[in-house]
């Protein structure tokens, strides 16, 4: 089975920021009227990030100490609110988001807070051996912050390979993308293997939907999702860390005119919408909610499952 290369791709590179979402040149003299839908998307992304441990530790506190005085003189304002104020002032949120564009908003957040980049960044190198001329090839390294997958591809592969896990399916989709042999006169299209040498603190999977899926198609897609993945089953990992597993901590999706978030907090799944929170319970409860409300998760946030003491030890060695 061969899939179209458009069905799996890298999340856009940091340099390719959507100008409609970035607002670094805003005229301060003109007050912005924020769009409720876009603001709710920002809030749900931030709600997701607070469930990744590294963002509630040194990164958030370091940023807030630098930005605090320029944003507010009130020392009682929580760090999360200080960061939210900064993003509201510097992102363009005056228009509703287009379909499947939550990942673009997330990338624009990374642009405004560059120190977060390395904690999501993957340095990928594609390698292959041409099956016609036997040439060893390594394509130039590329930077990404996760992967975007066509939701239909998940259903197609799961239907064809019922025993495949989420990471098996993502790997299969990626392998089905071919690249041309660069040896002069050959031109054979070859399957490639993607290598990574680093393990980010967070890993992003964005799903692209047609938004005309039936209830069954939505549920079949959601049923492929998993609460834990091993990134070494998606990429060939060439580093020396033993901590290649990632836990799902949150998902964001649009529901009506606003965005919602499901997050794993205090050993159970909860749903955040507007300023309210609803306790769901276990993962089966999440899938039930998805079916009942016709939910199409658009961006999944995974966190490296490294033990807390080990994580802080490695952070210290990087400083």
C-alpha atoms as a PDB file:
ATOM      1  CA  UNK A   1       0.000   0.000   0.000  1.00  0.00           C
ATOM      2  CA  UNK A   2       1.443   3.394  -0.987  1.00  0.00           C
ATOM      3  CA  UNK A   3       0.150   6.643   0.470  1.00  0.00           C
ATOM      4  CA  UNK A   4       0.347  10.088  -1.085  1.00  0.00           C
ATOM      5  CA  UNK A   5       3.217  12.083   0.435  1.00  0.00           C
ATOM      6  CA  UNK A   6       0.762  14.860   1.303  1.00  0.00           C
ATOM      7  CA  UNK A   7      -0.788  12.636   3.950  1.00  0.00           C
ATOM      8  CA  UNK A   8       2.155  12.970   6.297  1.00  0.00           C
ATOM      9  CA  UNK A   9       4.481  15.917   6.612  1.00  0.00           C
ATOM     10  CA  UNK A  10       6.563  17.842   9.072  1.00  0.00           C
ATOM     11  CA  UNK A  11       5.008  20.579  11.094  1.00  0.00           C
ATOM     12  CA  UNK A  12       6.081  23.847   9.449  1.00  0.00           C
ATOM     13  CA  UNK A  13       9.572  25.032  10.295  1.00  0.00           C
ATOM     14  CA  UNK A  14       9.950  27.849  12.740  1.00  0.00           C
ATOM     15  CA  UNK A  15      11.071  30.216   9.962  1.00  0.00           C
ATOM     16  CA  UNK A  16       7.751  29.675   8.166  1.00  0.00           C
ATOM     17  CA  UNK A  17       5.579  31.481  10.692  1.00  0.00           C
ATOM     18  CA  UNK A  18       2.068  32.328   9.522  1.00  0.00           C
ATOM     19  CA  UNK A  19       1.979  36.143   9.159  1.00  0.00           C
ATOM     20  CA  UNK A  20      -1.713  36.189  10.061  1.00  0.00           C
ATOM     21  CA  UNK A  21      -0.914  34.806  13.505  1.00  0.00           C
ATOM     22  CA  UNK A  22       2.326  36.650  14.260  1.00  0.00           C
ATOM     23  CA  UNK A  23       1.883  40.226  15.432  1.00  0.00           C
ATOM     24  CA  UNK A  24       5.357  41.462  16.276  1.00  0.00           C
ATOM     25  CA  UNK A  25       4.830  44.720  14.279  1.00  0.00           C
ATOM     26  CA  UNK A  26       1.497  45.669  15.824  1.00  0.00           C
ATOM     27  CA  UNK A  27       0.829  49.380  16.032  1.00  0.00           C
ATOM     28  CA  UNK A  28       0.526  50.096  19.716  1.00  0.00           C
ATOM     29  CA  UNK A  29      -1.642  53.150  19.076  1.00  0.00           C
ATOM     30  CA  UNK A  30      -4.504  50.995  17.788  1.00  0.00           C
ATOM     31  CA  UNK A  31      -6.229  48.786  20.338  1.00  0.00           C
ATOM     32  CA  UNK A  32      -6.904  45.267  19.083  1.00  0.00           C
ATOM     33  CA  UNK A  33     -10.327  43.634  19.301  1.00  0.00           C
ATOM     34  CA  UNK A  34      -9.582  40.003  20.049  1.00  0.00           C
ATOM     35  CA  UNK A  35     -11.572  37.163  18.549  1.00  0.00           C
ATOM     36  CA  UNK A  36     -13.107  34.882  21.194  1.00  0.00           C
ATOM     37  CA  UNK A  37     -12.465  31.733  19.156  1.00  0.00           C
ATOM     38  CA  UNK A  38      -8.756  32.456  18.693  1.00  0.00           C
ATOM     39  CA  UNK A  39      -8.325  33.480  22.330  1.00  0.00           C
ATOM     40  CA  UNK A  40      -9.918  30.206  23.442  1.00  0.00           C
ATOM     41  CA  UNK A  41      -7.489  28.301  21.194  1.00  0.00           C
ATOM     42  CA  UNK A  42      -4.568  30.093  22.874  1.00  0.00           C
ATOM     43  CA  UNK A  43      -5.980  29.334  26.320  1.00  0.00           C
ATOM     44  CA  UNK A  44      -6.358  25.634  25.561  1.00  0.00           C
ATOM     45  CA  UNK A  45      -2.814  25.409  24.144  1.00  0.00           C
ATOM     46  CA  UNK A  46      -1.472  27.005  27.334  1.00  0.00           C
ATOM     47  CA  UNK A  47      -3.640  24.695  29.437  1.00  0.00           C
ATOM     48  CA  UNK A  48      -1.985  21.795  27.611  1.00  0.00           C
ATOM     49  CA  UNK A  49       1.539  23.134  28.102  1.00  0.00           C
ATOM     50  CA  UNK A  50       1.060  23.447  31.857  1.00  0.00           C
ATOM     51  CA  UNK A  51       0.762  19.654  31.904  1.00  0.00           C
ATOM     52  CA  UNK A  52       4.284  19.244  30.505  1.00  0.00           C
ATOM     53  CA  UNK A  53       6.542  19.344  33.540  1.00  0.00           C
ATOM     54  CA  UNK A  54       9.385  21.342  32.039  1.00  0.00           C
ATOM     55  CA  UNK A  55       7.090  24.317  31.360  1.00  0.00           C
ATOM     56  CA  UNK A  56       5.993  24.562  34.967  1.00  0.00           C
ATOM     57  CA  UNK A  57       9.581  24.450  36.193  1.00  0.00           C
ATOM     58  CA  UNK A  58      12.557  26.448  35.023  1.00  0.00           C
ATOM     59  CA  UNK A  59      11.285  27.640  31.627  1.00  0.00           C
ATOM     60  CA  UNK A  60       8.150  29.356  32.887  1.00  0.00           C
ATOM     61  CA  UNK A  61       9.788  30.875  35.951  1.00  0.00           C
ATOM     62  CA  UNK A  62      12.823  32.139  34.010  1.00  0.00           C
ATOM     63  CA  UNK A  63      10.600  33.786  31.430  1.00  0.00           C
ATOM     64  CA  UNK A  64       8.288  35.373  33.988  1.00  0.00           C
ATOM     65  CA  UNK A  65      11.188  36.867  35.951  1.00  0.00           C
ATOM     66  CA  UNK A  66      12.329  38.635  32.775  1.00  0.00           C
ATOM     67  CA  UNK A  67       8.893  39.768  31.581  1.00  0.00           C
ATOM     68  CA  UNK A  68       7.170  40.555  34.874  1.00  0.00           C
ATOM     69  CA  UNK A  69       8.042  44.227  35.229  1.00  0.00           C
ATOM     70  CA  UNK A  70       7.151  45.104  31.636  1.00  0.00           C
ATOM     71  CA  UNK A  71       3.698  43.509  31.937  1.00  0.00           C
ATOM     72  CA  UNK A  72       2.434  44.246  35.416  1.00  0.00           C
ATOM     73  CA  UNK A  73       3.565  45.742  38.721  1.00  0.00           C
ATOM     74  CA  UNK A  74       1.297  43.411  40.674  1.00  0.00           C
ATOM     75  CA  UNK A  75       3.510  40.678  42.151  1.00  0.00           C
ATOM     76  CA  UNK A  76       0.440  38.618  43.077  1.00  0.00           C
ATOM     77  CA  UNK A  77      -0.350  37.848  39.429  1.00  0.00           C
ATOM     78  CA  UNK A  78       0.300  34.098  38.774  1.00  0.00           C
ATOM     79  CA  UNK A  79       3.138  33.281  36.354  1.00  0.00           C
ATOM     80  CA  UNK A  80       0.713  31.598  33.926  1.00  0.00           C
ATOM     81  CA  UNK A  81      -1.349  34.796  33.712  1.00  0.00           C
ATOM     82  CA  UNK A  82       1.749  36.911  33.077  1.00  0.00           C
ATOM     83  CA  UNK A  83       2.682  34.703  30.144  1.00  0.00           C
ATOM     84  CA  UNK A  84      -0.896  34.809  28.817  1.00  0.00           C
ATOM     85  CA  UNK A  85      -0.895  38.622  28.936  1.00  0.00           C
ATOM     86  CA  UNK A  86       2.339  38.704  26.962  1.00  0.00           C
ATOM     87  CA  UNK A  87       0.968  36.373  24.270  1.00  0.00           C
ATOM     88  CA  UNK A  88      -2.339  38.235  23.998  1.00  0.00           C
ATOM     89  CA  UNK A  89      -0.359  41.429  23.411  1.00  0.00           C
ATOM     90  CA  UNK A  90       1.949  39.940  20.801  1.00  0.00           C
ATOM     91  CA  UNK A  91      -0.101  37.407  18.811  1.00  0.00           C
ATOM     92  CA  UNK A  92      -2.608  38.430  16.162  1.00  0.00           C
ATOM     93  CA  UNK A  93      -5.861  36.984  17.492  1.00  0.00           C
ATOM     94  CA  UNK A  94      -8.312  39.369  15.880  1.00  0.00           C
ATOM     95  CA  UNK A  95      -9.759  36.796  13.450  1.00  0.00           C
ATOM     96  CA  UNK A  96     -11.024  33.232  13.973  1.00  0.00           C
ATOM     97  CA  UNK A  97      -8.573  30.452  13.171  1.00  0.00           C
ATOM     98  CA  UNK A  98      -8.908  28.572   9.919  1.00  0.00           C
ATOM     99  CA  UNK A  99      -9.634  24.842  10.070  1.00  0.00           C
ATOM    100  CA  UNK A 100      -6.694  22.674  11.163  1.00  0.00           C
ATOM    101  CA  UNK A 101      -4.544  25.687  12.101  1.00  0.00           C
ATOM    102  CA  UNK A 102      -4.055  25.164  15.847  1.00  0.00           C
ATOM    103  CA  UNK A 103      -0.558  23.823  15.150  1.00  0.00           C
ATOM    104  CA  UNK A 104       0.294  27.089  13.355  1.00  0.00           C
ATOM    105  CA  UNK A 105      -0.785  29.069  16.398  1.00  0.00           C
ATOM    106  CA  UNK A 106       1.405  26.844  18.561  1.00  0.00           C
ATOM    107  CA  UNK A 107       4.395  27.526  16.277  1.00  0.00           C
ATOM    108  CA  UNK A 108       3.829  31.260  16.603  1.00  0.00           C
ATOM    109  CA  UNK A 109       3.911  30.884  20.385  1.00  0.00           C
ATOM    110  CA  UNK A 110       7.296  29.180  20.008  1.00  0.00           C
ATOM    111  CA  UNK A 111       8.510  32.078  17.880  1.00  0.00           C
ATOM    112  CA  UNK A 112       7.658  34.539  20.636  1.00  0.00           C
ATOM    113  CA  UNK A 113       9.381  32.404  23.294  1.00  0.00           C
ATOM    114  CA  UNK A 114      12.492  31.052  21.532  1.00  0.00           C
ATOM    115  CA  UNK A 115      13.889  29.325  24.610  1.00  0.00           C
ATOM    116  CA  UNK A 116      11.027  26.810  24.349  1.00  0.00           C
ATOM    117  CA  UNK A 117      12.062  25.751  20.832  1.00  0.00           C
ATOM    118  CA  UNK A 118      14.703  23.240  21.824  1.00  0.00           C
ATOM    119  CA  UNK A 119      12.243  21.436  24.048  1.00  0.00           C
ATOM    120  CA  UNK A 120      10.085  20.545  21.025  1.00  0.00           C
ATOM    121  CA  UNK A 121      12.710  20.559  18.293  1.00  0.00           C
ATOM    122  CA  UNK A 122      13.647  17.441  16.332  1.00  0.00           C
ATOM    123  CA  UNK A 123      16.691  17.376  14.055  1.00  0.00           C
ATOM    124  CA  UNK A 124      15.845  14.880  11.317  1.00  0.00           C
ATOM    125  CA  UNK A 125      18.133  13.297   8.728  1.00  0.00           C
ATOM    126  CA  UNK A 126      16.678  11.055   6.004  1.00  0.00           C
ATOM    127  CA  UNK A 127      18.889   8.156   4.866  1.00  0.00           C
ATOM    128  CA  UNK A 128      18.498   5.412   2.291  1.00  0.00           C
ATOM    129  CA  UNK A 129      20.390   3.045  -0.023  1.00  0.00           C
ATOM    130  CA  UNK A 130      19.207   3.213  -3.620  1.00  0.00           C
ATOM    131  CA  UNK A 131      17.783  -0.141  -4.650  1.00  0.00           C
ATOM    132  CA  UNK A 132      18.911   0.444  -8.256  1.00  0.00           C
ATOM    133  CA  UNK A 133      22.456   1.833  -8.064  1.00  0.00           C
ATOM    134  CA  UNK A 134      23.200   0.948  -4.405  1.00  0.00           C
ATOM    135  CA  UNK A 135      24.296   4.514  -3.624  1.00  0.00           C
ATOM    136  CA  UNK A 136      24.290   5.480   0.055  1.00  0.00           C
ATOM    137  CA  UNK A 137      22.373   8.715   0.477  1.00  0.00           C
ATOM    138  CA  UNK A 138      21.795  11.062   3.412  1.00  0.00           C
ATOM    139  CA  UNK A 139      19.496  13.982   2.726  1.00  0.00           C
ATOM    140  CA  UNK A 140      20.163  17.314   4.417  1.00  0.00           C
ATOM    141  CA  UNK A 141      19.010  17.583   7.997  1.00  0.00           C
ATOM    142  CA  UNK A 142      15.729  19.346   8.657  1.00  0.00           C
ATOM    143  CA  UNK A 143      14.244  20.870  11.780  1.00  0.00           C
ATOM    144  CA  UNK A 144      10.693  20.057  12.819  1.00  0.00           C
ATOM    145  CA  UNK A 145       8.519  20.367  15.909  1.00  0.00           C
ATOM    146  CA  UNK A 146       6.440  17.247  15.432  1.00  0.00           C
ATOM    147  CA  UNK A 147       4.389  15.759  12.609  1.00  0.00           C
ATOM    148  CA  UNK A 148       1.137  16.487  10.814  1.00  0.00           C
ATOM    149  CA  UNK A 149      -0.933  13.504   9.719  1.00  0.00           C
ATOM    150  CA  UNK A 150      -4.077  13.214   7.641  1.00  0.00           C
ATOM    151  CA  UNK A 151      -6.699  11.737   9.987  1.00  0.00           C
ATOM    152  CA  UNK A 152      -7.986   9.553   7.152  1.00  0.00           C
ATOM    153  CA  UNK A 153      -4.551   7.919   6.872  1.00  0.00           C
ATOM    154  CA  UNK A 154      -4.824   6.642  10.436  1.00  0.00           C
ATOM    155  CA  UNK A 155      -8.124   4.943   9.605  1.00  0.00           C
ATOM    156  CA  UNK A 156      -6.847   3.485   6.326  1.00  0.00           C
ATOM    157  CA  UNK A 157      -3.753   1.939   7.881  1.00  0.00           C
ATOM    158  CA  UNK A 158      -5.587   0.684  10.966  1.00  0.00           C
ATOM    159  CA  UNK A 159      -8.131  -1.012   8.720  1.00  0.00           C
ATOM    160  CA  UNK A 160      -5.354  -2.680   6.719  1.00  0.00           C
ATOM    161  CA  UNK A 161      -3.105  -3.550   9.687  1.00  0.00           C
ATOM    162  CA  UNK A 162      -5.362  -4.131  12.688  1.00  0.00           C
ATOM    163  CA  UNK A 163      -2.494  -5.050  15.059  1.00  0.00           C
ATOM    164  CA  UNK A 164      -0.549  -1.840  14.375  1.00  0.00           C
ATOM    165  CA  UNK A 165      -0.092   0.621  17.233  1.00  0.00           C
ATOM    166  CA  UNK A 166      -0.227   4.399  16.734  1.00  0.00           C
ATOM    167  CA  UNK A 167       3.548   4.682  16.340  1.00  0.00           C
ATOM    168  CA  UNK A 168       3.572   1.695  13.931  1.00  0.00           C
ATOM    169  CA  UNK A 169       1.012   3.460  11.753  1.00  0.00           C
ATOM    170  CA  UNK A 170       2.900   6.771  11.809  1.00  0.00           C
ATOM    171  CA  UNK A 171       6.103   4.913  10.893  1.00  0.00           C
ATOM    172  CA  UNK A 172       4.334   3.126   8.022  1.00  0.00           C
ATOM    173  CA  UNK A 173       2.927   6.386   6.662  1.00  0.00           C
ATOM    174  CA  UNK A 174       6.348   8.050   6.804  1.00  0.00           C
ATOM    175  CA  UNK A 175       8.093   5.119   5.120  1.00  0.00           C
ATOM    176  CA  UNK A 176       5.617   5.293   2.231  1.00  0.00           C
ATOM    177  CA  UNK A 177       6.982   8.729   1.351  1.00  0.00           C
ATOM    178  CA  UNK A 178       9.677   8.186  -1.311  1.00  0.00           C
ATOM    179  CA  UNK A 179      12.612  10.376  -2.383  1.00  0.00           C
ATOM    180  CA  UNK A 180      14.567  10.460  -5.648  1.00  0.00           C
ATOM    181  CA  UNK A 181      18.088   9.047  -5.849  1.00  0.00           C
ATOM    182  CA  UNK A 182      20.424  12.009  -6.316  1.00  0.00           C
ATOM    183  CA  UNK A 183      23.053  10.109  -8.318  1.00  0.00           C
ATOM    184  CA  UNK A 184      23.264  11.485 -11.850  1.00  0.00           C
ATOM    185  CA  UNK A 185      21.480   9.251 -14.338  1.00  0.00           C
ATOM    186  CA  UNK A 186      19.653   7.143 -11.752  1.00  0.00           C
ATOM    187  CA  UNK A 187      16.547   8.952 -10.503  1.00  0.00           C
ATOM    188  CA  UNK A 188      15.057   5.906  -8.777  1.00  0.00           C
ATOM    189  CA  UNK A 189      12.476   6.682  -6.095  1.00  0.00           C
ATOM    190  CA  UNK A 190      13.412   5.014  -2.778  1.00  0.00           C
ATOM    191  CA  UNK A 191      11.835   4.557   0.616  1.00  0.00           C
ATOM    192  CA  UNK A 192      13.761   6.474   3.285  1.00  0.00           C
ATOM    193  CA  UNK A 193      14.508   5.996   6.957  1.00  0.00           C
ATOM    194  CA  UNK A 194      14.428   9.082   9.184  1.00  0.00           C
ATOM    195  CA  UNK A 195      17.046   9.425  11.920  1.00  0.00           C
ATOM    196  CA  UNK A 196      17.015  11.637  15.004  1.00  0.00           C
ATOM    197  CA  UNK A 197      19.789  12.157  17.540  1.00  0.00           C
ATOM    198  CA  UNK A 198      17.889  14.125  20.188  1.00  0.00           C
ATOM    199  CA  UNK A 199      14.817  13.506  22.335  1.00  0.00           C
ATOM    200  CA  UNK A 200      12.700  16.634  22.917  1.00  0.00           C
ATOM    201  CA  UNK A 201      10.851  17.248  26.170  1.00  0.00           C
ATOM    202  CA  UNK A 202       7.577  17.499  24.253  1.00  0.00           C
ATOM    203  CA  UNK A 203       6.407  15.839  21.044  1.00  0.00           C
ATOM    204  CA  UNK A 204       3.514  17.096  18.912  1.00  0.00           C
ATOM    205  CA  UNK A 205       1.166  15.171  16.634  1.00  0.00           C
ATOM    206  CA  UNK A 206      -1.256  17.343  14.642  1.00  0.00           C
ATOM    207  CA  UNK A 207      -4.222  15.766  12.837  1.00  0.00           C
ATOM    208  CA  UNK A 208      -5.687  17.217   9.650  1.00  0.00           C
ATOM    209  CA  UNK A 209      -9.448  16.671   9.292  1.00  0.00           C
ATOM    210  CA  UNK A 210     -11.846  17.149   6.380  1.00  0.00           C
ATOM    211  CA  UNK A 211     -14.564  18.159   8.897  1.00  0.00           C
ATOM    212  CA  UNK A 212     -17.177  16.085   7.091  1.00  0.00           C
ATOM    213  CA  UNK A 213     -16.392  12.810   8.862  1.00  0.00           C
ATOM    214  CA  UNK A 214     -19.193  10.609  10.117  1.00  0.00           C
ATOM    215  CA  UNK A 215     -19.561   9.722  13.794  1.00  0.00           C
ATOM    216  CA  UNK A 216     -18.066   6.289  13.062  1.00  0.00           C
ATOM    217  CA  UNK A 217     -15.091   7.771  11.212  1.00  0.00           C
ATOM    218  CA  UNK A 218     -14.398  10.158  14.084  1.00  0.00           C
ATOM    219  CA  UNK A 219     -14.530   7.322  16.610  1.00  0.00           C
ATOM    220  CA  UNK A 220     -12.407   5.015  14.422  1.00  0.00           C
ATOM    221  CA  UNK A 221      -9.744   7.735  14.204  1.00  0.00           C
ATOM    222  CA  UNK A 222      -9.814   8.484  17.922  1.00  0.00           C
ATOM    223  CA  UNK A 223      -9.578   4.756  18.699  1.00  0.00           C
ATOM    224  CA  UNK A 224      -6.187   4.633  16.941  1.00  0.00           C
ATOM    225  CA  UNK A 225      -4.772   7.225  19.347  1.00  0.00           C
ATOM    226  CA  UNK A 226      -2.742   6.056  22.336  1.00  0.00           C
ATOM    227  CA  UNK A 227      -1.802   7.423  25.728  1.00  0.00           C
ATOM    228  CA  UNK A 228       1.834   6.302  25.324  1.00  0.00           C
ATOM    229  CA  UNK A 229       4.142   6.054  22.328  1.00  0.00           C
ATOM    230  CA  UNK A 230       7.776   5.099  21.834  1.00  0.00           C
ATOM    231  CA  UNK A 231       9.424   7.680  19.579  1.00  0.00           C
ATOM    232  CA  UNK A 232      12.107   5.153  18.601  1.00  0.00           C
ATOM    233  CA  UNK A 233       9.337   3.211  16.819  1.00  0.00           C
ATOM    234  CA  UNK A 234       8.646   6.277  14.638  1.00  0.00           C
ATOM    235  CA  UNK A 235      12.210   7.444  13.993  1.00  0.00           C
ATOM    236  CA  UNK A 236      15.514   5.603  14.119  1.00  0.00           C
ATOM    237  CA  UNK A 237      16.983   7.074  17.290  1.00  0.00           C
ATOM    238  CA  UNK A 238      20.775   7.408  17.258  1.00  0.00           C
ATOM    239  CA  UNK A 239      21.256   8.935  20.702  1.00  0.00           C
ATOM    240  CA  UNK A 240      22.200   7.314  23.995  1.00  0.00           C
ATOM    241  CA  UNK A 241      19.185   8.058  26.211  1.00  0.00           C
ATOM    242  CA  UNK A 242      17.072   5.130  27.384  1.00  0.00           C
ATOM    243  CA  UNK A 243      13.983   7.335  27.819  1.00  0.00           C
ATOM    244  CA  UNK A 244      12.327   7.107  24.399  1.00  0.00           C
ATOM    245  CA  UNK A 245       8.735   6.741  25.604  1.00  0.00           C
ATOM    246  CA  UNK A 246       6.270   9.642  25.620  1.00  0.00           C
ATOM    247  CA  UNK A 247       2.983  10.031  27.500  1.00  0.00           C
ATOM    248  CA  UNK A 248      -0.042  11.842  26.129  1.00  0.00           C
ATOM    249  CA  UNK A 249      -0.811  14.764  28.451  1.00  0.00           C
ATOM    250  CA  UNK A 250      -3.352  16.855  26.528  1.00  0.00           C
ATOM    251  CA  UNK A 251      -5.322  17.363  23.297  1.00  0.00           C
ATOM    252  CA  UNK A 252      -6.955  20.473  21.825  1.00  0.00           C
ATOM    253  CA  UNK A 253      -9.893  20.689  19.419  1.00  0.00           C
ATOM    254  CA  UNK A 254     -12.551  23.112  18.220  1.00  0.00           C
ATOM    255  CA  UNK A 255     -16.090  22.622  19.503  1.00  0.00           C
ATOM    256  CA  UNK A 256     -18.669  25.051  18.212  1.00  0.00           C
ATOM    257  CA  UNK A 257     -17.237  28.567  18.305  1.00  0.00           C
ATOM    258  CA  UNK A 258     -14.664  27.804  21.014  1.00  0.00           C
ATOM    259  CA  UNK A 259     -11.785  25.441  21.677  1.00  0.00           C
ATOM    260  CA  UNK A 260     -11.688  22.704  24.305  1.00  0.00           C
ATOM    261  CA  UNK A 261      -8.896  20.698  25.879  1.00  0.00           C
ATOM    262  CA  UNK A 262      -8.688  17.241  27.408  1.00  0.00           C
ATOM    263  CA  UNK A 263      -5.789  16.883  29.843  1.00  0.00           C
ATOM    264  CA  UNK A 264      -4.440  14.217  32.179  1.00  0.00           C
ATOM    265  CA  UNK A 265      -4.417  15.771  35.635  1.00  0.00           C
ATOM    266  CA  UNK A 266      -4.234  14.148  39.075  1.00  0.00           C
ATOM    267  CA  UNK A 267      -4.356  10.643  37.589  1.00  0.00           C
ATOM    268  CA  UNK A 268      -7.549  11.163  35.601  1.00  0.00           C
ATOM    269  CA  UNK A 269      -8.670  12.791  32.369  1.00  0.00           C
ATOM    270  CA  UNK A 270     -10.498  16.101  32.570  1.00  0.00           C
ATOM    271  CA  UNK A 271     -12.093  18.368  29.980  1.00  0.00           C
ATOM    272  CA  UNK A 272     -11.473  22.127  30.035  1.00  0.00           C
ATOM    273  CA  UNK A 273     -13.885  24.434  28.203  1.00  0.00           C
ATOM    274  CA  UNK A 274     -14.188  28.179  28.760  1.00  0.00           C
ATOM    275  CA  UNK A 275     -13.437  28.555  32.483  1.00  0.00           C
ATOM    276  CA  UNK A 276     -15.084  25.260  33.435  1.00  0.00           C
ATOM    277  CA  UNK A 277     -13.672  21.805  34.064  1.00  0.00           C
ATOM    278  CA  UNK A 278     -15.403  18.441  33.759  1.00  0.00           C
ATOM    279  CA  UNK A 279     -13.933  15.219  35.189  1.00  0.00           C
ATOM    280  CA  UNK A 280     -14.013  12.412  32.605  1.00  0.00           C
ATOM    281  CA  UNK A 281     -12.101   9.604  34.293  1.00  0.00           C
ATOM    282  CA  UNK A 282     -10.263   6.944  32.300  1.00  0.00           C
ATOM    283  CA  UNK A 283      -9.253   6.775  28.642  1.00  0.00           C
ATOM    284  CA  UNK A 284     -12.402   4.874  27.660  1.00  0.00           C
ATOM    285  CA  UNK A 285     -14.348   7.824  29.007  1.00  0.00           C
ATOM    286  CA  UNK A 286     -12.363  10.143  26.734  1.00  0.00           C
ATOM    287  CA  UNK A 287     -13.227   8.031  23.678  1.00  0.00           C
ATOM    288  CA  UNK A 288     -16.876   8.045  24.703  1.00  0.00           C
ATOM    289  CA  UNK A 289     -16.868  11.845  24.941  1.00  0.00           C
ATOM    290  CA  UNK A 290     -15.266  12.031  21.490  1.00  0.00           C
ATOM    291  CA  UNK A 291     -18.009   9.865  20.020  1.00  0.00           C
ATOM    292  CA  UNK A 292     -20.893  11.621  21.752  1.00  0.00           C
ATOM    293  CA  UNK A 293     -19.716  15.167  20.966  1.00  0.00           C
ATOM    294  CA  UNK A 294     -18.242  14.376  17.514  1.00  0.00           C
ATOM    295  CA  UNK A 295     -14.832  15.617  18.672  1.00  0.00           C
ATOM    296  CA  UNK A 296     -11.948  15.832  16.187  1.00  0.00           C
ATOM    297  CA  UNK A 297      -8.703  16.269  18.184  1.00  0.00           C
ATOM    298  CA  UNK A 298      -6.443  18.634  16.250  1.00  0.00           C
ATOM    299  CA  UNK A 299      -3.193  18.675  18.220  1.00  0.00           C
ATOM    300  CA  UNK A 300      -1.839  16.106  20.682  1.00  0.00           C
ATOM    301  CA  UNK A 301       0.797  17.024  23.268  1.00  0.00           C
ATOM    302  CA  UNK A 302       3.092  14.221  24.423  1.00  0.00           C
ATOM    303  CA  UNK A 303       5.668  14.514  27.222  1.00  0.00           C
ATOM    304  CA  UNK A 304       8.870  12.542  27.570  1.00  0.00           C
ATOM    305  CA  UNK A 305       8.281   9.907  30.250  1.00  0.00           C
ATOM    306  CA  UNK A 306      11.703  10.438  31.821  1.00  0.00           C
ATOM    307  CA  UNK A 307      11.538  10.277  35.647  1.00  0.00           C
ATOM    308  CA  UNK A 308      11.343  13.717  37.267  1.00  0.00           C
ATOM    309  CA  UNK A 309      14.712  13.520  39.051  1.00  0.00           C
ATOM    310  CA  UNK A 310      16.464  12.427  35.843  1.00  0.00           C
ATOM    311  CA  UNK A 311      14.772  15.211  33.860  1.00  0.00           C
ATOM    312  CA  UNK A 312      15.974  17.929  36.216  1.00  0.00           C
ATOM    313  CA  UNK A 313      19.459  16.397  36.256  1.00  0.00           C
ATOM    314  CA  UNK A 314      19.678  16.568  32.440  1.00  0.00           C
ATOM    315  CA  UNK A 315      18.299  20.109  32.414  1.00  0.00           C
ATOM    316  CA  UNK A 316      21.038  21.144  34.797  1.00  0.00           C
ATOM    317  CA  UNK A 317      23.723  19.617  32.607  1.00  0.00           C
ATOM    318  CA  UNK A 318      22.454  21.663  29.622  1.00  0.00           C
ATOM    319  CA  UNK A 319      22.615  25.018  31.461  1.00  0.00           C
END
